[in-house]
Amino acid sequence: LQAAISRDPNFSLAWAGLADAQVLFAWYGAADWRLMFSRAIDAARTAIKFAPESAEAHAALGFSLCCSGFWEEGLS
């Protein structure tokens, strides 16, 4: 995903996938959860910036926010 983003920084699906991967790294304890959840939210927001109509980007943001404890924002 990072290689895809390096080649095309505007590739929304790669940003959304990165957000999902970062949540899973945190969820399974492979990385610091505070850092990964924060990065996941940032990556998902970047995905939405490049493709505001992308269902994947919005799903990644909702997933990231809910897993981070921001239920109200994540479910809206």
Protein backbone atom coordinates (compact mmCIF):
# COMPACT_ATOMS: atom_id res chain seq x y z
CA LEU A 1 0.00 0.00 0.00
CA GLN A 2 2.79 2.40 0.81
CA ALA A 3 4.46 1.59 -2.51
CA ALA A 4 1.20 2.34 -4.33
CA ILE A 5 0.87 5.63 -2.47
CA SER A 6 4.48 6.48 -3.34
CA ARG A 7 3.72 5.96 -7.02
CA ASP A 8 0.40 7.82 -6.89
CA PRO A 9 -0.17 9.92 -3.76
CA ASN A 10 -3.77 10.58 -4.89
CA PHE A 11 -4.73 6.86 -4.98
CA SER A 12 -7.71 6.87 -2.63
CA LEU A 13 -8.13 3.08 -2.44
CA ALA A 14 -4.53 2.65 -1.29
CA TRP A 15 -5.08 5.24 1.45
CA ALA A 16 -8.28 3.48 2.54
CA GLY A 17 -6.52 0.11 2.57
CA LEU A 18 -3.68 1.58 4.59
CA ALA A 19 -6.17 2.90 7.14
CA ASP A 20 -7.76 -0.54 7.49
CA ALA A 21 -4.36 -2.21 7.82
CA GLN A 22 -3.26 0.22 10.51
CA VAL A 23 -6.41 -0.48 12.54
CA LEU A 24 -5.76 -4.20 12.29
CA PHE A 25 -2.11 -3.80 13.33
CA ALA A 26 -3.31 -1.97 16.44
CA TRP A 27 -6.19 -4.36 17.09
CA TYR A 28 -3.93 -7.42 17.08
CA GLY A 29 -1.19 -5.76 19.10
CA ALA A 30 1.39 -5.63 16.30
CA ALA A 31 1.95 -1.90 16.88
CA ASP A 32 1.16 0.81 19.40
CA TRP A 33 -2.61 1.26 19.24
CA ARG A 34 -2.60 5.02 19.93
CA LEU A 35 -0.24 5.69 17.06
CA MET A 36 -1.89 3.27 14.63
CA PHE A 37 -5.44 4.48 15.29
CA SER A 38 -4.33 8.08 14.81
CA ARG A 39 -2.55 7.20 11.57
CA ALA A 40 -5.56 5.19 10.40
CA ILE A 41 -7.91 8.13 10.87
CA ASP A 42 -5.49 10.41 9.01
CA ALA A 43 -5.12 7.91 6.15
CA ALA A 44 -8.89 7.47 5.85
CA ARG A 45 -9.44 11.23 5.79
CA THR A 46 -6.79 11.48 3.08
CA ALA A 47 -8.63 8.81 1.08
CA ILE A 48 -11.84 10.83 1.35
CA LYS A 49 -10.01 13.98 0.30
CA PHE A 50 -8.95 12.33 -2.97
CA ALA A 51 -12.24 10.53 -3.63
CA PRO A 52 -15.12 12.02 -1.65
CA GLU A 53 -17.59 9.59 -3.25
CA SER A 54 -15.58 6.47 -2.36
CA ALA A 55 -17.52 4.00 -0.22
CA GLU A 56 -14.25 2.30 0.73
CA ALA A 57 -12.79 5.56 2.02
CA HIS A 58 -15.86 6.32 4.12
CA ALA A 59 -15.98 2.77 5.46
CA ALA A 60 -12.30 3.00 6.42
CA LEU A 61 -12.94 6.25 8.27
CA GLY A 62 -15.94 4.82 10.12
CA PHE A 63 -13.98 1.68 11.03
CA SER A 64 -11.01 3.75 12.22
CA LEU A 65 -13.13 6.10 14.29
CA CYS A 66 -15.23 3.36 15.90
CA CYS A 67 -12.17 1.31 16.81
CA SER A 68 -10.62 4.46 18.28
CA GLY A 69 -13.63 4.99 20.53
CA PHE A 70 -15.23 7.82 18.56
CA TRP A 71 -18.56 5.99 18.18
CA GLU A 72 -20.80 8.97 17.41
CA GLU A 73 -18.55 10.30 14.67
CA GLY A 74 -17.72 6.84 13.33
CA LEU A 75 -21.35 5.82 12.95
CA SER A 76 -22.48 9.03 11.29
